[in-house]
N, C-alpha and C. Protein backbone atom coordinates (compact mmCIF):
# COMPACT_ATOMS: atom_id res chain seq x y z
N MET A 1 0.84 -1.19 0.00
CA MET A 1 0.00 0.00 0.00
C MET A 1 0.88 1.24 0.00
N ASN A 2 0.41 2.27 -0.66
CA ASN A 2 1.13 3.53 -0.61
C ASN A 2 0.59 4.36 0.58
N PHE A 3 1.19 5.53 0.79
CA PHE A 3 0.86 6.36 1.95
C PHE A 3 -0.62 6.74 1.96
N GLU A 4 -1.15 7.12 0.80
CA GLU A 4 -2.57 7.49 0.74
C GLU A 4 -3.46 6.31 1.12
N GLU A 5 -3.16 5.13 0.60
CA GLU A 5 -3.97 3.94 0.90
C GLU A 5 -3.89 3.57 2.38
N LEU A 6 -2.71 3.73 2.98
CA LEU A 6 -2.57 3.46 4.41
C LEU A 6 -3.45 4.41 5.22
N ARG A 7 -3.43 5.70 4.88
CA ARG A 7 -4.25 6.68 5.60
C ARG A 7 -5.74 6.40 5.43
N LEU A 8 -6.16 6.13 4.21
CA LEU A 8 -7.58 5.86 3.96
C LEU A 8 -8.03 4.58 4.66
N SER A 9 -7.18 3.58 4.69
CA SER A 9 -7.51 2.32 5.39
C SER A 9 -7.64 2.55 6.89
N ALA A 10 -6.75 3.37 7.45
CA ALA A 10 -6.82 3.67 8.89
C ALA A 10 -8.10 4.42 9.21
N LEU A 11 -8.45 5.38 8.39
CA LEU A 11 -9.69 6.13 8.61
C LEU A 11 -10.90 5.21 8.51
N SER A 12 -10.90 4.33 7.53
CA SER A 12 -12.00 3.38 7.36
C SER A 12 -12.12 2.46 8.57
N LYS A 13 -10.97 1.98 9.06
CA LYS A 13 -10.97 1.09 10.22
C LYS A 13 -11.51 1.82 11.46
N ALA A 14 -11.29 3.12 11.54
CA ALA A 14 -11.79 3.93 12.66
C ALA A 14 -13.20 4.44 12.40
N ASP A 15 -13.78 4.04 11.27
CA ASP A 15 -15.12 4.44 10.87
C ASP A 15 -15.21 5.97 10.71
N GLU A 16 -14.21 6.53 10.06
CA GLU A 16 -14.16 7.98 9.80
C GLU A 16 -13.99 8.20 8.30
N GLU A 17 -14.34 9.38 7.85
CA GLU A 17 -14.20 9.77 6.45
C GLU A 17 -13.08 10.81 6.34
N PRO A 18 -12.35 10.81 5.22
CA PRO A 18 -11.35 11.87 5.03
C PRO A 18 -12.04 13.21 4.79
N GLY A 19 -11.31 14.29 5.03
CA GLY A 19 -11.87 15.61 4.76
C GLY A 19 -11.84 16.52 5.97
N ASP A 20 -11.81 15.97 7.18
CA ASP A 20 -11.68 16.78 8.38
C ASP A 20 -10.18 17.09 8.55
N GLU A 21 -9.82 18.36 8.49
CA GLU A 21 -8.41 18.77 8.50
C GLU A 21 -7.64 18.23 9.71
N ILE A 22 -8.24 18.27 10.87
CA ILE A 22 -7.56 17.81 12.08
C ILE A 22 -7.40 16.30 12.08
N ILE A 23 -8.45 15.57 11.76
CA ILE A 23 -8.37 14.11 11.72
C ILE A 23 -7.40 13.66 10.63
N ASP A 24 -7.40 14.35 9.51
CA ASP A 24 -6.45 14.02 8.44
C ASP A 24 -5.01 14.18 8.93
N GLN A 25 -4.75 15.23 9.73
CA GLN A 25 -3.40 15.43 10.27
C GLN A 25 -3.07 14.37 11.32
N VAL A 26 -4.05 14.00 12.14
CA VAL A 26 -3.84 12.95 13.14
C VAL A 26 -3.46 11.65 12.45
N VAL A 27 -4.18 11.27 11.41
CA VAL A 27 -3.89 10.00 10.73
C VAL A 27 -2.57 10.09 9.97
N TYR A 28 -2.24 11.25 9.41
CA TYR A 28 -0.97 11.46 8.72
C TYR A 28 0.20 11.19 9.68
N ASP A 29 0.14 11.83 10.84
CA ASP A 29 1.20 11.66 11.84
C ASP A 29 1.24 10.24 12.40
N ALA A 30 0.06 9.67 12.66
CA ALA A 30 -0.02 8.34 13.27
C ALA A 30 0.49 7.25 12.32
N ILE A 31 0.20 7.38 11.05
CA ILE A 31 0.70 6.39 10.08
C ILE A 31 2.23 6.44 10.06
N ASN A 32 2.79 7.62 10.06
CA ASN A 32 4.26 7.73 10.07
C ASN A 32 4.86 7.19 11.37
N HIS A 33 4.20 7.45 12.49
CA HIS A 33 4.71 6.94 13.76
C HIS A 33 4.60 5.42 13.81
N GLY A 34 3.47 4.89 13.38
CA GLY A 34 3.30 3.44 13.32
C GLY A 34 4.31 2.80 12.39
N TYR A 35 4.58 3.47 11.28
CA TYR A 35 5.57 2.99 10.31
C TYR A 35 6.95 2.91 10.95
N ARG A 36 7.33 3.93 11.73
CA ARG A 36 8.63 3.92 12.43
C ARG A 36 8.69 2.78 13.44
N LEU A 37 7.60 2.56 14.16
CA LEU A 37 7.57 1.47 15.13
C LEU A 37 7.73 0.11 14.45
N VAL A 38 6.98 -0.09 13.39
CA VAL A 38 7.06 -1.36 12.67
C VAL A 38 8.45 -1.55 12.06
N ALA A 39 9.03 -0.49 11.51
CA ALA A 39 10.34 -0.59 10.86
C ALA A 39 11.46 -0.86 11.85
N THR A 40 11.30 -0.45 13.10
CA THR A 40 12.38 -0.65 14.08
C THR A 40 12.13 -1.82 15.02
N LEU A 41 10.88 -2.22 15.19
CA LEU A 41 10.58 -3.28 16.16
C LEU A 41 10.19 -4.61 15.53
N VAL A 42 9.65 -4.58 14.33
CA VAL A 42 9.13 -5.81 13.71
C VAL A 42 9.93 -6.18 12.47
N ASP A 43 9.96 -5.29 11.52
CA ASP A 43 10.61 -5.54 10.23
C ASP A 43 11.87 -4.69 10.18
N HIS A 44 12.85 -5.10 10.97
CA HIS A 44 14.06 -4.30 11.19
C HIS A 44 14.72 -3.85 9.89
N GLN A 45 14.87 -2.56 9.78
CA GLN A 45 15.59 -1.99 8.65
C GLN A 45 17.03 -1.79 9.09
N LEU A 46 17.96 -2.46 8.43
CA LEU A 46 19.36 -2.46 8.85
C LEU A 46 20.23 -1.71 7.84
N LYS A 47 21.26 -1.05 8.37
CA LYS A 47 22.23 -0.34 7.53
C LYS A 47 23.63 -0.57 8.08
N PRO A 48 24.58 -0.78 7.19
CA PRO A 48 25.98 -0.82 7.63
C PRO A 48 26.63 0.55 7.45
N THR A 49 27.61 0.84 8.28
CA THR A 49 28.40 2.06 8.12
C THR A 49 29.74 1.84 8.80
N THR A 50 30.67 2.72 8.55
CA THR A 50 31.95 2.68 9.25
C THR A 50 32.08 3.96 10.06
N LEU A 51 32.68 3.83 11.22
CA LEU A 51 32.88 4.96 12.12
C LEU A 51 34.36 5.01 12.51
N GLU A 52 34.91 6.20 12.55
CA GLU A 52 36.29 6.37 12.96
C GLU A 52 36.33 6.70 14.45
N TYR A 53 37.32 6.15 15.16
CA TYR A 53 37.39 6.38 16.61
C TYR A 53 37.61 7.86 16.92
N SER A 54 36.91 8.32 17.92
CA SER A 54 37.17 9.58 18.60
C SER A 54 36.58 9.41 20.00
N GLU A 55 36.85 10.35 20.87
CA GLU A 55 36.32 10.22 22.24
C GLU A 55 34.80 10.13 22.23
N LYS A 56 34.21 10.82 21.30
CA LYS A 56 32.75 10.92 21.19
C LYS A 56 32.42 10.74 19.71
N ILE A 57 31.84 9.58 19.35
CA ILE A 57 31.56 9.26 17.96
C ILE A 57 30.10 9.57 17.65
N LEU A 58 29.87 10.45 16.68
CA LEU A 58 28.52 10.82 16.29
C LEU A 58 27.88 9.68 15.50
N LEU A 59 26.70 9.26 15.93
CA LEU A 59 25.97 8.19 15.25
C LEU A 59 25.16 8.78 14.09
N PRO A 60 24.80 7.95 13.10
CA PRO A 60 23.99 8.46 11.98
C PRO A 60 22.65 9.03 12.44
N ASP A 61 22.12 9.98 11.67
CA ASP A 61 20.85 10.63 12.00
C ASP A 61 19.69 9.65 12.12
N ASP A 62 19.72 8.57 11.33
CA ASP A 62 18.61 7.60 11.33
C ASP A 62 18.84 6.43 12.27
N PHE A 63 19.81 6.56 13.19
CA PHE A 63 20.17 5.48 14.11
C PHE A 63 19.04 5.16 15.09
N HIS A 64 18.77 3.86 15.25
CA HIS A 64 17.82 3.40 16.27
C HIS A 64 18.53 2.55 17.31
N SER A 65 19.24 1.49 16.89
CA SER A 65 19.94 0.63 17.84
C SER A 65 21.04 -0.15 17.13
N ILE A 66 22.00 -0.60 17.91
CA ILE A 66 23.14 -1.35 17.37
C ILE A 66 22.78 -2.82 17.23
N VAL A 67 23.10 -3.39 16.07
CA VAL A 67 23.01 -4.84 15.88
C VAL A 67 24.38 -5.42 16.25
N TYR A 68 25.45 -4.84 15.69
CA TYR A 68 26.80 -5.18 16.12
C TYR A 68 27.75 -4.06 15.76
N ILE A 69 28.88 -4.04 16.48
CA ILE A 69 29.98 -3.13 16.17
C ILE A 69 31.26 -3.95 16.24
N LYS A 70 32.09 -3.85 15.19
CA LYS A 70 33.30 -4.64 15.09
C LYS A 70 34.50 -3.75 14.75
N HIS A 71 35.66 -4.22 15.20
CA HIS A 71 36.93 -3.64 14.77
C HIS A 71 37.80 -4.81 14.32
N GLN A 72 38.19 -4.82 13.07
CA GLN A 72 39.02 -5.88 12.49
C GLN A 72 38.47 -7.27 12.85
N ASP A 73 37.21 -7.49 12.56
CA ASP A 73 36.53 -8.77 12.79
C ASP A 73 36.39 -9.17 14.26
N ILE A 74 36.71 -8.27 15.18
CA ILE A 74 36.48 -8.53 16.61
C ILE A 74 35.22 -7.77 17.00
N GLN A 75 34.20 -8.52 17.41
CA GLN A 75 32.94 -7.88 17.78
C GLN A 75 33.03 -7.34 19.20
N LEU A 76 32.66 -6.09 19.37
CA LEU A 76 32.65 -5.48 20.69
C LEU A 76 31.43 -5.96 21.46
N SER A 77 31.60 -6.17 22.76
CA SER A 77 30.47 -6.56 23.61
C SER A 77 29.79 -5.30 24.13
N ASP A 78 28.65 -5.48 24.75
CA ASP A 78 27.93 -4.35 25.33
C ASP A 78 28.75 -3.62 26.39
N ASN A 79 29.73 -4.31 26.97
CA ASN A 79 30.57 -3.69 28.00
C ASN A 79 31.68 -2.83 27.41
N ASP A 80 31.90 -2.91 26.10
CA ASP A 80 32.98 -2.18 25.45
C ASP A 80 32.57 -0.78 24.99
N TYR A 81 31.29 -0.45 25.09
CA TYR A 81 30.82 0.84 24.62
C TYR A 81 29.50 1.18 25.31
N TYR A 82 29.12 2.43 25.20
CA TYR A 82 27.77 2.84 25.60
C TYR A 82 27.31 3.97 24.69
N ILE A 83 26.01 4.17 24.67
CA ILE A 83 25.41 5.20 23.84
C ILE A 83 24.76 6.23 24.75
N SER A 84 25.01 7.48 24.44
CA SER A 84 24.37 8.58 25.15
C SER A 84 23.90 9.58 24.11
N GLY A 85 22.59 9.75 24.02
CA GLY A 85 22.04 10.63 22.99
C GLY A 85 22.37 10.09 21.62
N MET A 86 22.99 10.91 20.81
CA MET A 86 23.37 10.51 19.44
C MET A 86 24.86 10.19 19.35
N TYR A 87 25.46 9.84 20.49
CA TYR A 87 26.90 9.58 20.50
C TYR A 87 27.20 8.18 21.02
N LEU A 88 28.26 7.60 20.45
CA LEU A 88 28.80 6.31 20.87
C LEU A 88 30.11 6.59 21.58
N PHE A 89 30.27 5.99 22.76
CA PHE A 89 31.50 6.14 23.52
C PHE A 89 32.12 4.76 23.69
N ILE A 90 33.38 4.61 23.29
CA ILE A 90 34.10 3.36 23.46
C ILE A 90 34.71 3.39 24.86
N THR A 91 34.45 2.34 25.65
CA THR A 91 34.95 2.29 27.03
C THR A 91 36.11 1.33 27.21
N ASN A 92 36.26 0.37 26.32
CA ASN A 92 37.34 -0.61 26.42
C ASN A 92 38.62 0.03 25.90
N LYS A 93 39.64 0.12 26.77
CA LYS A 93 40.88 0.81 26.39
C LYS A 93 41.59 0.16 25.21
N ASP A 94 41.35 -1.13 24.97
CA ASP A 94 41.97 -1.82 23.83
C ASP A 94 41.49 -1.28 22.49
N PHE A 95 40.35 -0.61 22.48
CA PHE A 95 39.77 -0.08 21.24
C PHE A 95 39.84 1.43 21.16
N LYS A 96 40.46 2.08 22.15
CA LYS A 96 40.52 3.54 22.20
C LYS A 96 41.82 4.05 21.56
N HIS A 97 41.87 3.99 20.22
CA HIS A 97 43.07 4.44 19.51
C HIS A 97 42.67 5.25 18.30
N ASP A 98 43.33 6.41 18.14
CA ASP A 98 43.09 7.22 16.95
C ASP A 98 43.41 6.39 15.72
N GLY A 99 42.59 6.52 14.71
CA GLY A 99 42.81 5.78 13.48
C GLY A 99 42.05 4.46 13.42
N TYR A 100 41.56 3.97 14.57
CA TYR A 100 40.76 2.74 14.54
C TYR A 100 39.45 3.01 13.81
N VAL A 101 39.06 2.05 13.01
CA VAL A 101 37.81 2.14 12.28
C VAL A 101 36.91 1.01 12.72
N PHE A 102 35.64 1.32 12.95
CA PHE A 102 34.67 0.34 13.42
C PHE A 102 33.61 0.13 12.34
N ASP A 103 33.25 -1.13 12.15
CA ASP A 103 32.13 -1.48 11.27
C ASP A 103 30.90 -1.59 12.14
N LEU A 104 29.89 -0.82 11.81
CA LEU A 104 28.66 -0.78 12.59
C LEU A 104 27.51 -1.26 11.72
N LEU A 105 26.75 -2.21 12.22
CA LEU A 105 25.48 -2.58 11.60
C LEU A 105 24.42 -2.13 12.59
N TYR A 106 23.49 -1.31 12.11
CA TYR A 106 22.50 -0.74 13.02
C TYR A 106 21.10 -0.80 12.43
N SER A 107 20.14 -0.82 13.34
CA SER A 107 18.74 -0.71 12.98
C SER A 107 18.45 0.78 12.81
N CYS A 108 17.77 1.11 11.71
CA CYS A 108 17.57 2.53 11.41
C CYS A 108 16.09 2.88 11.28
N TYR A 109 15.83 4.16 11.53
CA TYR A 109 14.49 4.69 11.29
C TYR A 109 14.34 4.96 9.80
N PRO A 110 13.19 4.65 9.23
CA PRO A 110 12.99 4.95 7.81
C PRO A 110 12.69 6.43 7.61
N GLU A 111 12.86 6.88 6.38
CA GLU A 111 12.44 8.25 6.02
C GLU A 111 10.93 8.31 6.17
N PRO A 112 10.39 9.42 6.66
CA PRO A 112 8.92 9.52 6.79
C PRO A 112 8.23 9.47 5.43
N LEU A 113 7.02 8.99 5.44
CA LEU A 113 6.18 9.01 4.24
C LEU A 113 5.63 10.42 4.10
N VAL A 114 5.74 11.00 2.91
CA VAL A 114 5.31 12.38 2.70
C VAL A 114 4.29 12.47 1.57
N GLU A 115 4.66 11.95 0.42
CA GLU A 115 3.80 12.02 -0.75
C GLU A 115 2.79 10.88 -0.72
N ASP A 116 1.62 11.10 -1.30
CA ASP A 116 0.59 10.06 -1.36
C ASP A 116 1.10 8.77 -1.98
N THR A 117 2.03 8.88 -2.92
CA THR A 117 2.53 7.71 -3.63
C THR A 117 3.72 7.04 -2.95
N ASP A 118 4.21 7.61 -1.83
CA ASP A 118 5.33 6.99 -1.10
C ASP A 118 4.93 5.61 -0.60
N ILE A 119 5.85 4.66 -0.70
CA ILE A 119 5.59 3.29 -0.27
C ILE A 119 6.55 2.96 0.86
N PRO A 120 6.07 2.36 1.95
CA PRO A 120 6.95 2.00 3.06
C PRO A 120 8.03 1.02 2.63
N VAL A 121 9.20 1.10 3.28
CA VAL A 121 10.28 0.15 2.99
C VAL A 121 10.05 -1.17 3.71
N THR A 122 9.12 -1.19 4.64
CA THR A 122 8.80 -2.43 5.35
C THR A 122 8.05 -3.37 4.41
N ARG A 123 8.08 -4.64 4.75
CA ARG A 123 7.38 -5.62 3.91
C ARG A 123 5.87 -5.37 3.97
N GLU A 124 5.22 -5.60 2.85
CA GLU A 124 3.78 -5.32 2.71
C GLU A 124 2.93 -6.08 3.73
N VAL A 125 3.39 -7.22 4.17
CA VAL A 125 2.64 -8.01 5.15
C VAL A 125 2.43 -7.23 6.45
N HIS A 126 3.26 -6.21 6.70
CA HIS A 126 3.16 -5.42 7.93
C HIS A 126 2.31 -4.16 7.78
N ASP A 127 1.77 -3.94 6.59
CA ASP A 127 0.93 -2.75 6.38
C ASP A 127 -0.26 -2.73 7.34
N TYR A 128 -0.81 -3.90 7.64
CA TYR A 128 -1.94 -3.98 8.55
C TYR A 128 -1.60 -3.38 9.92
N LEU A 129 -0.39 -3.62 10.40
CA LEU A 129 0.03 -3.06 11.69
C LEU A 129 0.07 -1.53 11.64
N ILE A 130 0.58 -1.00 10.54
CA ILE A 130 0.66 0.46 10.37
C ILE A 130 -0.75 1.06 10.34
N VAL A 131 -1.65 0.42 9.60
CA VAL A 131 -3.04 0.87 9.52
C VAL A 131 -3.70 0.81 10.91
N MET A 132 -3.46 -0.28 11.62
CA MET A 132 -4.05 -0.45 12.94
C MET A 132 -3.59 0.66 13.89
N TYR A 133 -2.31 1.00 13.84
CA TYR A 133 -1.78 2.06 14.69
C TYR A 133 -2.39 3.42 14.31
N GLY A 134 -2.56 3.65 13.01
CA GLY A 134 -3.20 4.90 12.57
C GLY A 134 -4.63 4.99 13.06
N ALA A 135 -5.38 3.91 12.93
CA ALA A 135 -6.79 3.89 13.38
C ALA A 135 -6.86 4.08 14.89
N TYR A 136 -5.96 3.44 15.63
CA TYR A 136 -5.90 3.58 17.09
C TYR A 136 -5.79 5.06 17.48
N ASN A 137 -4.91 5.79 16.81
CA ASN A 137 -4.72 7.20 17.14
C ASN A 137 -5.92 8.06 16.77
N VAL A 138 -6.57 7.75 15.67
CA VAL A 138 -7.80 8.47 15.30
C VAL A 138 -8.87 8.23 16.35
N LEU A 139 -9.02 6.99 16.78
CA LEU A 139 -10.02 6.67 17.81
C LEU A 139 -9.70 7.36 19.13
N LEU A 140 -8.43 7.46 19.48
CA LEU A 140 -8.05 8.21 20.69
C LEU A 140 -8.47 9.67 20.55
N TYR A 141 -8.17 10.26 19.41
CA TYR A 141 -8.53 11.65 19.19
C TYR A 141 -10.04 11.85 19.30
N LYS A 142 -10.80 10.90 18.77
CA LYS A 142 -12.26 11.00 18.81
C LYS A 142 -12.85 10.59 20.17
N LYS A 143 -11.97 10.25 21.11
CA LYS A 143 -12.35 9.85 22.48
C LYS A 143 -13.20 8.58 22.49
N ARG A 144 -12.92 7.69 21.57
CA ARG A 144 -13.57 6.38 21.54
C ARG A 144 -12.59 5.38 22.14
N TYR A 145 -12.44 5.51 23.46
CA TYR A 145 -11.37 4.83 24.18
C TYR A 145 -11.49 3.30 24.17
N ASN A 146 -12.68 2.76 24.25
CA ASN A 146 -12.83 1.30 24.26
C ASN A 146 -12.33 0.69 22.96
N MET A 147 -12.74 1.24 21.85
CA MET A 147 -12.28 0.74 20.55
C MET A 147 -10.78 0.96 20.39
N ALA A 148 -10.30 2.12 20.83
CA ALA A 148 -8.87 2.42 20.74
C ALA A 148 -8.06 1.41 21.53
N GLU A 149 -8.52 1.11 22.74
CA GLU A 149 -7.81 0.15 23.59
C GLU A 149 -7.77 -1.24 22.95
N MET A 150 -8.86 -1.63 22.32
CA MET A 150 -8.89 -2.94 21.65
C MET A 150 -7.86 -2.98 20.52
N LEU A 151 -7.80 -1.92 19.72
CA LEU A 151 -6.83 -1.88 18.63
C LEU A 151 -5.40 -1.86 19.16
N PHE A 152 -5.16 -1.07 20.21
CA PHE A 152 -3.81 -0.98 20.75
C PHE A 152 -3.38 -2.32 21.35
N SER A 153 -4.29 -3.01 22.00
CA SER A 153 -3.97 -4.33 22.55
C SER A 153 -3.60 -5.31 21.44
N GLU A 154 -4.36 -5.27 20.36
CA GLU A 154 -4.05 -6.15 19.23
C GLU A 154 -2.71 -5.76 18.61
N PHE A 155 -2.46 -4.46 18.47
CA PHE A 155 -1.21 -3.98 17.91
C PHE A 155 -0.02 -4.43 18.75
N THR A 156 -0.10 -4.22 20.06
CA THR A 156 1.03 -4.60 20.92
C THR A 156 1.22 -6.11 20.99
N SER A 157 0.16 -6.86 20.86
CA SER A 157 0.32 -8.32 20.87
C SER A 157 1.07 -8.79 19.62
N MET A 158 0.93 -8.06 18.54
CA MET A 158 1.62 -8.43 17.30
C MET A 158 3.03 -7.83 17.22
N VAL A 159 3.21 -6.65 17.78
CA VAL A 159 4.50 -5.97 17.72
C VAL A 159 5.38 -6.35 18.90
N GLY A 160 4.78 -6.59 20.03
CA GLY A 160 5.54 -6.86 21.24
C GLY A 160 5.53 -5.62 22.13
N ASP A 161 6.19 -5.74 23.26
CA ASP A 161 6.16 -4.66 24.25
C ASP A 161 6.94 -3.42 23.81
N GLY A 162 7.71 -3.54 22.74
CA GLY A 162 8.48 -2.40 22.25
C GLY A 162 7.61 -1.25 21.80
N ALA A 163 6.34 -1.50 21.53
CA ALA A 163 5.45 -0.43 21.09
C ALA A 163 5.26 0.62 22.15
N ASP A 164 5.51 0.27 23.40
CA ASP A 164 5.35 1.22 24.48
C ASP A 164 6.46 2.26 24.50
N GLU A 165 7.54 2.05 23.72
CA GLU A 165 8.65 2.99 23.72
C GLU A 165 8.39 4.22 22.87
N SER A 166 7.20 4.31 22.30
CA SER A 166 6.85 5.43 21.44
C SER A 166 7.20 6.73 22.10
């Protein structure tokens, strides 16, 4: 489904019609937020990159979480580094050398959907989750809490507890 179809499906699931400026904005934002959740928690979007050592290493703008970080085929453990904000700090003195290069594989946030014809990078089988999250937010806005809670419960059961990190 493209972005327009995702929005229209979410509105339909919430028993709403397009055309209300505020509800249209709610569903626009909710579809993108649901898309980010699905892309980082369910259908992991991964990217490789290389980082050069410094005391404070700036992570990519689309960074979500580390899958692995290696230096010369030696994988660093969770005890060898920590993340604070958008920075990676190497704590193991064996890896704290100027000129060291690290291979990073990370889970990334996708670019937001903007145009009606934009298509999510997640697999199509997960479109239902994105629609469900959009409908949940519309129902919250409309103060239809019982229906919203049912959708959110179904969404979290399929996505897992990571959906609470929104």
